[in-house]
Amino acid sequence: MLIILGAIVGFVASFISTLLGGGAGLIAVPAFYFIIVHTYGADFAMQIAIATCCGMSIFLSSIATYKHYRKGNIYLGELKYYLVYLSIGALVGSIVAKHINTDLLKIVFAILLFGSGIWMILHNDNKVVKLPRSARYSIFSFCGVLSVLASSTTFATMFFIKIGTDIKKAIAITSICVLINSLIAAFVLTYGISVNVPSTLGYLNIPLLVSSGIFALAGSLLAVNYLGIISPKLLKNLFIVLMFVSGGVMII
């Protein structure tokens, strides 16, 4: 049953995130959390959910990064410096997630989603912000922290759009950000951790990881056929709704 549920979560999360340009964690983390609570109990449930979601995201982001790189949408240039600062932020976020109380981590996850949803409603999409390089790097490092704690690299996408990056390139860049975040978080939440929860490596749940990872690829490949059908404005509204729903579910 656990494998079936993992497969469903992986397929649905990847299908919707491919259509929306991100957000797999907004679906996978709450779903994994409730599956884990009802299967193993509440101990470390949020850490296991985030670690398993990051593991699943490695499958998706690896393929997405490769495709975008082959199409020339990713040019490392200055991006490599952003990625260094993102990695630092992701490491900090992963360490926080590793040691924080699981109930508090769940609340932090929900608050970040509510805050992101409100910001997306209020901010002006067309207003480009000019910042000095040091400020951009520092802010992007903080995006790395938030991306792990909220299991969503939407913060990275929004950052690049706000500094004037074309939205298609911003989404392409985000794919490599997801890969880096996921690799770092999965490692930190696995290495040196031993919990009394069956079928886990550190905080990584193996049955959920394998089943969700395989079907996440299938969901993503299917969703590619429907890209462009939904207008960008509707996509944004759907993304905002998803943030509030996911945050609300975790508060209940």
C-alpha atoms as a PDB file:
ATOM      1  CA  MET A   1       0.000   0.000   0.000  1.00  0.00           C
ATOM      2  CA  LEU A   2       2.861   2.368   0.839  1.00  0.00           C
ATOM      3  CA  ILE A   3       4.378   1.888  -2.614  1.00  0.00           C
ATOM      4  CA  ILE A   4       1.027   2.535  -4.309  1.00  0.00           C
ATOM      5  CA  LEU A   5       0.497   5.749  -2.338  1.00  0.00           C
ATOM      6  CA  GLY A   6       4.041   6.869  -3.120  1.00  0.00           C
ATOM      7  CA  ALA A   7       3.473   6.242  -6.816  1.00  0.00           C
ATOM      8  CA  ILE A   8       0.257   8.291  -6.788  1.00  0.00           C
ATOM      9  CA  VAL A   9       1.925  11.186  -4.958  1.00  0.00           C
ATOM     10  CA  GLY A  10       4.924  11.156  -7.286  1.00  0.00           C
ATOM     11  CA  PHE A  11       2.788  11.107 -10.424  1.00  0.00           C
ATOM     12  CA  VAL A  12       0.358  13.838  -9.319  1.00  0.00           C
ATOM     13  CA  ALA A  13       3.064  16.098  -7.851  1.00  0.00           C
ATOM     14  CA  SER A  14       5.263  15.902 -10.941  1.00  0.00           C
ATOM     15  CA  PHE A  15       2.362  16.295 -13.379  1.00  0.00           C
ATOM     16  CA  ILE A  16       1.087  19.450 -11.680  1.00  0.00           C
ATOM     17  CA  SER A  17       4.556  20.896 -11.039  1.00  0.00           C
ATOM     18  CA  THR A  18       5.490  20.446 -14.700  1.00  0.00           C
ATOM     19  CA  LEU A  19       2.366  22.351 -15.761  1.00  0.00           C
ATOM     20  CA  LEU A  20       2.902  25.112 -13.188  1.00  0.00           C
ATOM     21  CA  GLY A  21       6.675  25.350 -13.612  1.00  0.00           C
ATOM     22  CA  GLY A  22       7.382  24.097 -10.094  1.00  0.00           C
ATOM     23  CA  GLY A  23       5.707  23.202  -6.829  1.00  0.00           C
ATOM     24  CA  ALA A  24       6.159  19.432  -6.535  1.00  0.00           C
ATOM     25  CA  GLY A  25       7.067  19.871  -2.867  1.00  0.00           C
ATOM     26  CA  LEU A  26       3.832  21.753  -2.209  1.00  0.00           C
ATOM     27  CA  ILE A  27       1.976  18.537  -2.987  1.00  0.00           C
ATOM     28  CA  ALA A  28       4.495  15.851  -2.055  1.00  0.00           C
ATOM     29  CA  VAL A  29       5.504  17.082   1.416  1.00  0.00           C
ATOM     30  CA  PRO A  30       1.960  17.297   2.888  1.00  0.00           C
ATOM     31  CA  ALA A  31       1.035  13.989   1.231  1.00  0.00           C
ATOM     32  CA  PHE A  32       4.197  12.219   2.427  1.00  0.00           C
ATOM     33  CA  TYR A  33       3.716  13.702   5.904  1.00  0.00           C
ATOM     34  CA  PHE A  34       0.242  12.232   6.354  1.00  0.00           C
ATOM     35  CA  ILE A  35       1.262   8.899   4.830  1.00  0.00           C
ATOM     36  CA  ILE A  36       4.211   8.681   7.237  1.00  0.00           C
ATOM     37  CA  VAL A  37       2.152   9.719  10.289  1.00  0.00           C
ATOM     38  CA  HIS A  38      -0.496   7.079   9.592  1.00  0.00           C
ATOM     39  CA  THR A  39       2.067   4.390   8.726  1.00  0.00           C
ATOM     40  CA  TYR A  40       4.926   4.937  11.188  1.00  0.00           C
ATOM     41  CA  GLY A  41       3.732   7.571  13.660  1.00  0.00           C
ATOM     42  CA  ALA A  42       4.421  11.276  14.112  1.00  0.00           C
ATOM     43  CA  ASP A  43       8.066  11.059  15.236  1.00  0.00           C
ATOM     44  CA  PHE A  44      10.326  12.797  12.690  1.00  0.00           C
ATOM     45  CA  ALA A  45       7.433  12.734  10.181  1.00  0.00           C
ATOM     46  CA  MET A  46       8.163  16.182   8.746  1.00  0.00           C
ATOM     47  CA  GLN A  47      11.883  15.509   8.355  1.00  0.00           C
ATOM     48  CA  ILE A  48      11.130  12.219   6.598  1.00  0.00           C
ATOM     49  CA  ALA A  49       8.603  13.936   4.325  1.00  0.00           C
ATOM     50  CA  ILE A  50      11.053  16.679   3.305  1.00  0.00           C
ATOM     51  CA  ALA A  51      13.993  14.298   2.840  1.00  0.00           C
ATOM     52  CA  THR A  52      11.909  11.921   0.719  1.00  0.00           C
ATOM     53  CA  CYS A  53      10.535  14.808  -1.343  1.00  0.00           C
ATOM     54  CA  CYS A  54      14.094  16.021  -1.975  1.00  0.00           C
ATOM     55  CA  GLY A  55      15.090  12.526  -3.043  1.00  0.00           C
ATOM     56  CA  MET A  56      12.170  12.409  -5.471  1.00  0.00           C
ATOM     57  CA  SER A  57      13.076  15.857  -6.795  1.00  0.00           C
ATOM     58  CA  ILE A  58      16.558  14.640  -7.731  1.00  0.00           C
ATOM     59  CA  PHE A  59      14.951  12.395 -10.365  1.00  0.00           C
ATOM     60  CA  LEU A  60      12.868  15.225 -11.832  1.00  0.00           C
ATOM     61  CA  SER A  61      15.418  18.030 -11.666  1.00  0.00           C
ATOM     62  CA  SER A  62      18.201  15.941 -13.213  1.00  0.00           C
ATOM     63  CA  ILE A  63      16.184  15.402 -16.382  1.00  0.00           C
ATOM     64  CA  ALA A  64      14.872  18.979 -16.439  1.00  0.00           C
ATOM     65  CA  THR A  65      18.370  20.421 -15.990  1.00  0.00           C
ATOM     66  CA  TYR A  66      19.760  18.239 -18.772  1.00  0.00           C
ATOM     67  CA  LYS A  67      16.978  19.258 -21.176  1.00  0.00           C
ATOM     68  CA  HIS A  68      17.326  22.976 -20.433  1.00  0.00           C
ATOM     69  CA  TYR A  69      21.113  22.805 -20.728  1.00  0.00           C
ATOM     70  CA  ARG A  70      20.907  21.035 -24.088  1.00  0.00           C
ATOM     71  CA  LYS A  71      18.507  23.714 -25.345  1.00  0.00           C
ATOM     72  CA  GLY A  72      20.905  26.465 -24.279  1.00  0.00           C
ATOM     73  CA  ASN A  73      18.588  27.898 -21.611  1.00  0.00           C
ATOM     74  CA  ILE A  74      21.232  27.542 -18.902  1.00  0.00           C
ATOM     75  CA  TYR A  75      24.438  29.560 -19.242  1.00  0.00           C
ATOM     76  CA  LEU A  76      26.691  29.137 -16.227  1.00  0.00           C
ATOM     77  CA  GLY A  77      28.582  32.471 -16.504  1.00  0.00           C
ATOM     78  CA  GLU A  78      27.656  34.497 -13.415  1.00  0.00           C
ATOM     79  CA  LEU A  79      25.079  31.828 -12.521  1.00  0.00           C
ATOM     80  CA  LYS A  80      27.812  29.684 -10.970  1.00  0.00           C
ATOM     81  CA  TYR A  81      28.347  32.330  -8.281  1.00  0.00           C
ATOM     82  CA  TYR A  82      24.639  32.380  -7.490  1.00  0.00           C
ATOM     83  CA  LEU A  83      24.727  28.589  -7.207  1.00  0.00           C
ATOM     84  CA  VAL A  84      27.563  28.753  -4.670  1.00  0.00           C
ATOM     85  CA  TYR A  85      25.507  31.059  -2.450  1.00  0.00           C
ATOM     86  CA  LEU A  86      22.399  28.950  -3.018  1.00  0.00           C
ATOM     87  CA  SER A  87      24.360  25.906  -1.842  1.00  0.00           C
ATOM     88  CA  ILE A  88      25.381  27.699   1.349  1.00  0.00           C
ATOM     89  CA  GLY A  89      21.762  28.616   2.020  1.00  0.00           C
ATOM     90  CA  ALA A  90      20.550  25.100   1.235  1.00  0.00           C
ATOM     91  CA  LEU A  91      23.124  23.676   3.645  1.00  0.00           C
ATOM     92  CA  VAL A  92      21.966  26.006   6.421  1.00  0.00           C
ATOM     93  CA  GLY A  93      18.309  25.211   5.717  1.00  0.00           C
ATOM     94  CA  SER A  94      19.033  21.481   5.735  1.00  0.00           C
ATOM     95  CA  ILE A  95      20.845  21.686   9.080  1.00  0.00           C
ATOM     96  CA  VAL A  96      17.911  23.613  10.557  1.00  0.00           C
ATOM     97  CA  ALA A  97      15.456  21.026   9.206  1.00  0.00           C
ATOM     98  CA  LYS A  98      17.647  18.233  10.590  1.00  0.00           C
ATOM     99  CA  HIS A  99      17.637  19.507  14.172  1.00  0.00           C
ATOM    100  CA  ILE A 100      14.347  21.392  14.567  1.00  0.00           C
ATOM    101  CA  ASN A 101      11.321  19.815  16.258  1.00  0.00           C
ATOM    102  CA  THR A 102       9.102  18.128  13.661  1.00  0.00           C
ATOM    103  CA  ASP A 103       5.935  19.960  14.798  1.00  0.00           C
ATOM    104  CA  LEU A 104       7.705  23.317  14.624  1.00  0.00           C
ATOM    105  CA  LEU A 105       9.095  22.422  11.199  1.00  0.00           C
ATOM    106  CA  LYS A 106       5.562  21.755   9.997  1.00  0.00           C
ATOM    107  CA  ILE A 107       4.435  25.192  11.202  1.00  0.00           C
ATOM    108  CA  VAL A 108       7.452  26.882   9.576  1.00  0.00           C
ATOM    109  CA  PHE A 109       6.599  25.101   6.314  1.00  0.00           C
ATOM    110  CA  ALA A 110       3.009  26.385   6.446  1.00  0.00           C
ATOM    111  CA  ILE A 111       3.981  29.964   7.366  1.00  0.00           C
ATOM    112  CA  LEU A 112       6.463  30.163   4.490  1.00  0.00           C
ATOM    113  CA  LEU A 113       3.787  29.018   2.044  1.00  0.00           C
ATOM    114  CA  PHE A 114       1.236  31.524   3.342  1.00  0.00           C
ATOM    115  CA  GLY A 115       3.821  34.313   3.182  1.00  0.00           C
ATOM    116  CA  SER A 116       4.848  33.369  -0.352  1.00  0.00           C
ATOM    117  CA  GLY A 117       1.240  33.245  -1.509  1.00  0.00           C
ATOM    118  CA  ILE A 118       0.488  36.686  -0.063  1.00  0.00           C
ATOM    119  CA  TRP A 119       3.659  38.128  -1.619  1.00  0.00           C
ATOM    120  CA  MET A 120       2.730  36.740  -5.040  1.00  0.00           C
ATOM    121  CA  ILE A 121      -0.718  38.345  -4.770  1.00  0.00           C
ATOM    122  CA  LEU A 122       0.587  41.767  -3.764  1.00  0.00           C
ATOM    123  CA  HIS A 123       3.782  42.206  -5.769  1.00  0.00           C
ATOM    124  CA  ASN A 124       4.054  43.813  -9.210  1.00  0.00           C
ATOM    125  CA  ASP A 125       5.245  41.275 -11.798  1.00  0.00           C
ATOM    126  CA  ASN A 126       6.595  43.950 -14.130  1.00  0.00           C
ATOM    127  CA  LYS A 127       8.706  45.844 -11.605  1.00  0.00           C
ATOM    128  CA  VAL A 128      12.391  44.925 -11.924  1.00  0.00           C
ATOM    129  CA  VAL A 129      14.560  45.548  -8.861  1.00  0.00           C
ATOM    130  CA  LYS A 130      18.162  46.678  -9.356  1.00  0.00           C
ATOM    131  CA  LEU A 131      20.434  45.533  -6.531  1.00  0.00           C
ATOM    132  CA  PRO A 132      24.204  45.521  -5.976  1.00  0.00           C
ATOM    133  CA  ARG A 133      25.886  42.174  -6.579  1.00  0.00           C
ATOM    134  CA  SER A 134      26.584  41.520  -2.881  1.00  0.00           C
ATOM    135  CA  ALA A 135      22.914  42.079  -2.023  1.00  0.00           C
ATOM    136  CA  ARG A 136      21.782  39.744  -4.821  1.00  0.00           C
ATOM    137  CA  TYR A 137      24.093  36.985  -3.622  1.00  0.00           C
ATOM    138  CA  SER A 138      23.003  37.378   0.013  1.00  0.00           C
ATOM    139  CA  ILE A 139      19.310  37.341  -0.859  1.00  0.00           C
ATOM    140  CA  PHE A 140      19.749  34.315  -3.081  1.00  0.00           C
ATOM    141  CA  SER A 141      21.546  32.474  -0.294  1.00  0.00           C
ATOM    142  CA  PHE A 142      18.519  33.155   1.916  1.00  0.00           C
ATOM    143  CA  CYS A 143      16.347  31.788  -0.900  1.00  0.00           C
ATOM    144  CA  GLY A 144      18.332  28.560  -0.518  1.00  0.00           C
ATOM    145  CA  VAL A 145      17.400  28.376   3.166  1.00  0.00           C
ATOM    146  CA  LEU A 146      13.717  28.961   2.441  1.00  0.00           C
ATOM    147  CA  SER A 147      13.698  26.537  -0.476  1.00  0.00           C
ATOM    148  CA  VAL A 148      14.666  23.649   1.800  1.00  0.00           C
ATOM    149  CA  LEU A 149      12.351  24.559   4.681  1.00  0.00           C
ATOM    150  CA  ALA A 150       9.388  25.041   2.316  1.00  0.00           C
ATOM    151  CA  SER A 151      10.502  22.295  -0.112  1.00  0.00           C
ATOM    152  CA  SER A 152       9.944  24.694  -2.990  1.00  0.00           C
ATOM    153  CA  THR A 153      12.398  26.622  -5.167  1.00  0.00           C
ATOM    154  CA  THR A 154       9.681  29.072  -6.142  1.00  0.00           C
ATOM    155  CA  PHE A 155      11.749  31.593  -4.193  1.00  0.00           C
ATOM    156  CA  ALA A 156      14.582  31.165  -6.702  1.00  0.00           C
ATOM    157  CA  THR A 157      12.244  31.627  -9.670  1.00  0.00           C
ATOM    158  CA  MET A 158      10.719  34.773  -8.168  1.00  0.00           C
ATOM    159  CA  PHE A 159      14.186  36.141  -7.369  1.00  0.00           C
ATOM    160  CA  PHE A 160      15.487  35.831 -10.925  1.00  0.00           C
ATOM    161  CA  ILE A 161      12.303  37.324 -12.377  1.00  0.00           C
ATOM    162  CA  LYS A 162      12.547  40.302 -10.008  1.00  0.00           C
ATOM    163  CA  ILE A 163      16.137  41.079 -11.060  1.00  0.00           C
ATOM    164  CA  GLY A 164      15.090  41.125 -14.714  1.00  0.00           C
ATOM    165  CA  THR A 165      15.629  37.565 -15.952  1.00  0.00           C
ATOM    166  CA  ASP A 166      13.287  36.357 -18.688  1.00  0.00           C
ATOM    167  CA  ILE A 167      10.649  34.069 -17.168  1.00  0.00           C
ATOM    168  CA  LYS A 168      11.551  31.100 -19.399  1.00  0.00           C
ATOM    169  CA  LYS A 169      15.218  31.391 -18.465  1.00  0.00           C
ATOM    170  CA  ALA A 170      14.262  31.867 -14.808  1.00  0.00           C
ATOM    171  CA  ILE A 171      12.346  28.581 -14.876  1.00  0.00           C
ATOM    172  CA  ALA A 172      15.270  26.873 -16.630  1.00  0.00           C
ATOM    173  CA  ILE A 173      17.724  28.178 -14.032  1.00  0.00           C
ATOM    174  CA  THR A 174      15.403  27.004 -11.274  1.00  0.00           C
ATOM    175  CA  SER A 175      15.730  23.416 -12.500  1.00  0.00           C
ATOM    176  CA  ILE A 176      19.428  23.353 -11.615  1.00  0.00           C
ATOM    177  CA  CYS A 177      18.634  25.111  -8.324  1.00  0.00           C
ATOM    178  CA  VAL A 178      16.186  22.306  -7.495  1.00  0.00           C
ATOM    179  CA  LEU A 179      18.863  19.729  -8.272  1.00  0.00           C
ATOM    180  CA  ILE A 180      21.460  21.387  -6.034  1.00  0.00           C
ATOM    181  CA  ASN A 181      18.993  21.993  -3.191  1.00  0.00           C
ATOM    182  CA  SER A 182      17.703  18.428  -3.368  1.00  0.00           C
ATOM    183  CA  LEU A 183      21.164  16.857  -3.409  1.00  0.00           C
ATOM    184  CA  ILE A 184      22.349  18.888  -0.423  1.00  0.00           C
ATOM    185  CA  ALA A 185      19.161  18.412   1.613  1.00  0.00           C
ATOM    186  CA  ALA A 186      18.952  14.687   0.855  1.00  0.00           C
ATOM    187  CA  PHE A 187      22.581  14.216   1.937  1.00  0.00           C
ATOM    188  CA  VAL A 188      22.298  16.256   5.154  1.00  0.00           C
ATOM    189  CA  LEU A 189      19.013  14.582   6.115  1.00  0.00           C
ATOM    190  CA  THR A 190      20.507  11.134   5.529  1.00  0.00           C
ATOM    191  CA  TYR A 191      24.161  11.200   6.599  1.00  0.00           C
ATOM    192  CA  GLY A 192      24.874  10.292  10.223  1.00  0.00           C
ATOM    193  CA  ILE A 193      21.195   9.910  11.141  1.00  0.00           C
ATOM    194  CA  SER A 194      19.677   6.823  12.710  1.00  0.00           C
ATOM    195  CA  VAL A 195      16.002   6.818  13.684  1.00  0.00           C
ATOM    196  CA  ASN A 196      13.777   4.009  14.863  1.00  0.00           C
ATOM    197  CA  VAL A 197      11.522   4.170  11.806  1.00  0.00           C
ATOM    198  CA  PRO A 198      11.283   1.139   9.481  1.00  0.00           C
ATOM    199  CA  SER A 199      12.471   1.322   5.860  1.00  0.00           C
ATOM    200  CA  THR A 200      14.356   4.589   6.259  1.00  0.00           C
ATOM    201  CA  LEU A 201      17.932   5.579   5.480  1.00  0.00           C
ATOM    202  CA  GLY A 202      18.491   8.512   7.792  1.00  0.00           C
ATOM    203  CA  TYR A 203      15.293  10.472   7.231  1.00  0.00           C
ATOM    204  CA  LEU A 204      14.876   9.106   3.691  1.00  0.00           C
ATOM    205  CA  ASN A 205      11.975   6.665   3.301  1.00  0.00           C
ATOM    206  CA  ILE A 206      13.075   4.116   0.709  1.00  0.00           C
ATOM    207  CA  PRO A 207       9.682   2.665  -0.419  1.00  0.00           C
ATOM    208  CA  LEU A 208       8.200   6.141  -0.917  1.00  0.00           C
ATOM    209  CA  LEU A 209      11.349   7.382  -2.637  1.00  0.00           C
ATOM    210  CA  VAL A 210      11.528   4.545  -5.167  1.00  0.00           C
ATOM    211  CA  SER A 211       7.826   4.491  -6.035  1.00  0.00           C
ATOM    212  CA  SER A 212       7.403   8.281  -6.168  1.00  0.00           C
ATOM    213  CA  GLY A 213      10.628   8.792  -8.126  1.00  0.00           C
ATOM    214  CA  ILE A 214       9.707   6.375 -10.904  1.00  0.00           C
ATOM    215  CA  PHE A 215       6.152   7.650 -11.300  1.00  0.00           C
ATOM    216  CA  ALA A 216       7.277  11.272 -11.002  1.00  0.00           C
ATOM    217  CA  LEU A 217       9.174  10.792 -14.245  1.00  0.00           C
ATOM    218  CA  ALA A 218       6.042   9.381 -15.888  1.00  0.00           C
ATOM    219  CA  GLY A 219       3.894  12.277 -14.671  1.00  0.00           C
ATOM    220  CA  SER A 220       6.375  14.848 -15.904  1.00  0.00           C
ATOM    221  CA  LEU A 221       6.692  13.266 -19.355  1.00  0.00           C
ATOM    222  CA  LEU A 222       2.897  13.158 -19.713  1.00  0.00           C
ATOM    223  CA  ALA A 223       2.431  16.761 -18.563  1.00  0.00           C
ATOM    224  CA  VAL A 224       4.856  18.039 -21.212  1.00  0.00           C
ATOM    225  CA  ASN A 225       2.155  17.318 -23.811  1.00  0.00           C
ATOM    226  CA  TYR A 226      -0.153  19.865 -22.164  1.00  0.00           C
ATOM    227  CA  LEU A 227       2.282  22.741 -21.705  1.00  0.00           C
ATOM    228  CA  GLY A 228       1.064  26.038 -23.141  1.00  0.00           C
ATOM    229  CA  ILE A 229      -2.627  25.177 -22.833  1.00  0.00           C
ATOM    230  CA  ILE A 230      -3.070  27.150 -19.603  1.00  0.00           C
ATOM    231  CA  SER A 231      -2.445  30.917 -19.665  1.00  0.00           C
ATOM    232  CA  PRO A 232       0.423  32.341 -17.526  1.00  0.00           C
ATOM    233  CA  LYS A 233      -2.045  34.370 -15.428  1.00  0.00           C
ATOM    234  CA  LEU A 234      -4.130  31.297 -14.639  1.00  0.00           C
ATOM    235  CA  LEU A 235      -0.965  29.333 -13.856  1.00  0.00           C
ATOM    236  CA  LYS A 236       0.068  31.986 -11.348  1.00  0.00           C
ATOM    237  CA  ASN A 237      -3.369  31.945  -9.707  1.00  0.00           C
ATOM    238  CA  LEU A 238      -3.327  28.152  -9.512  1.00  0.00           C
ATOM    239  CA  PHE A 239       0.131  28.265  -7.955  1.00  0.00           C
ATOM    240  CA  ILE A 240      -1.051  30.743  -5.313  1.00  0.00           C
ATOM    241  CA  VAL A 241      -4.086  28.576  -4.522  1.00  0.00           C
ATOM    242  CA  LEU A 242      -1.824  25.540  -4.198  1.00  0.00           C
ATOM    243  CA  MET A 243       0.381  27.418  -1.711  1.00  0.00           C
ATOM    244  CA  PHE A 244      -2.568  28.355   0.499  1.00  0.00           C
ATOM    245  CA  VAL A 245      -4.121  24.886   0.320  1.00  0.00           C
ATOM    246  CA  SER A 246      -0.835  23.147   1.177  1.00  0.00           C
ATOM    247  CA  GLY A 247      -0.142  25.574   4.020  1.00  0.00           C
ATOM    248  CA  GLY A 248      -3.672  25.182   5.357  1.00  0.00           C
ATOM    249  CA  VAL A 249      -3.502  21.395   5.266  1.00  0.00           C
ATOM    250  CA  MET A 250      -0.315  21.417   7.340  1.00  0.00           C
ATOM    251  CA  ILE A 251      -1.799  23.755   9.958  1.00  0.00           C
ATOM    252  CA  ILE A 252      -4.905  21.592  10.482  1.00  0.00           C
END
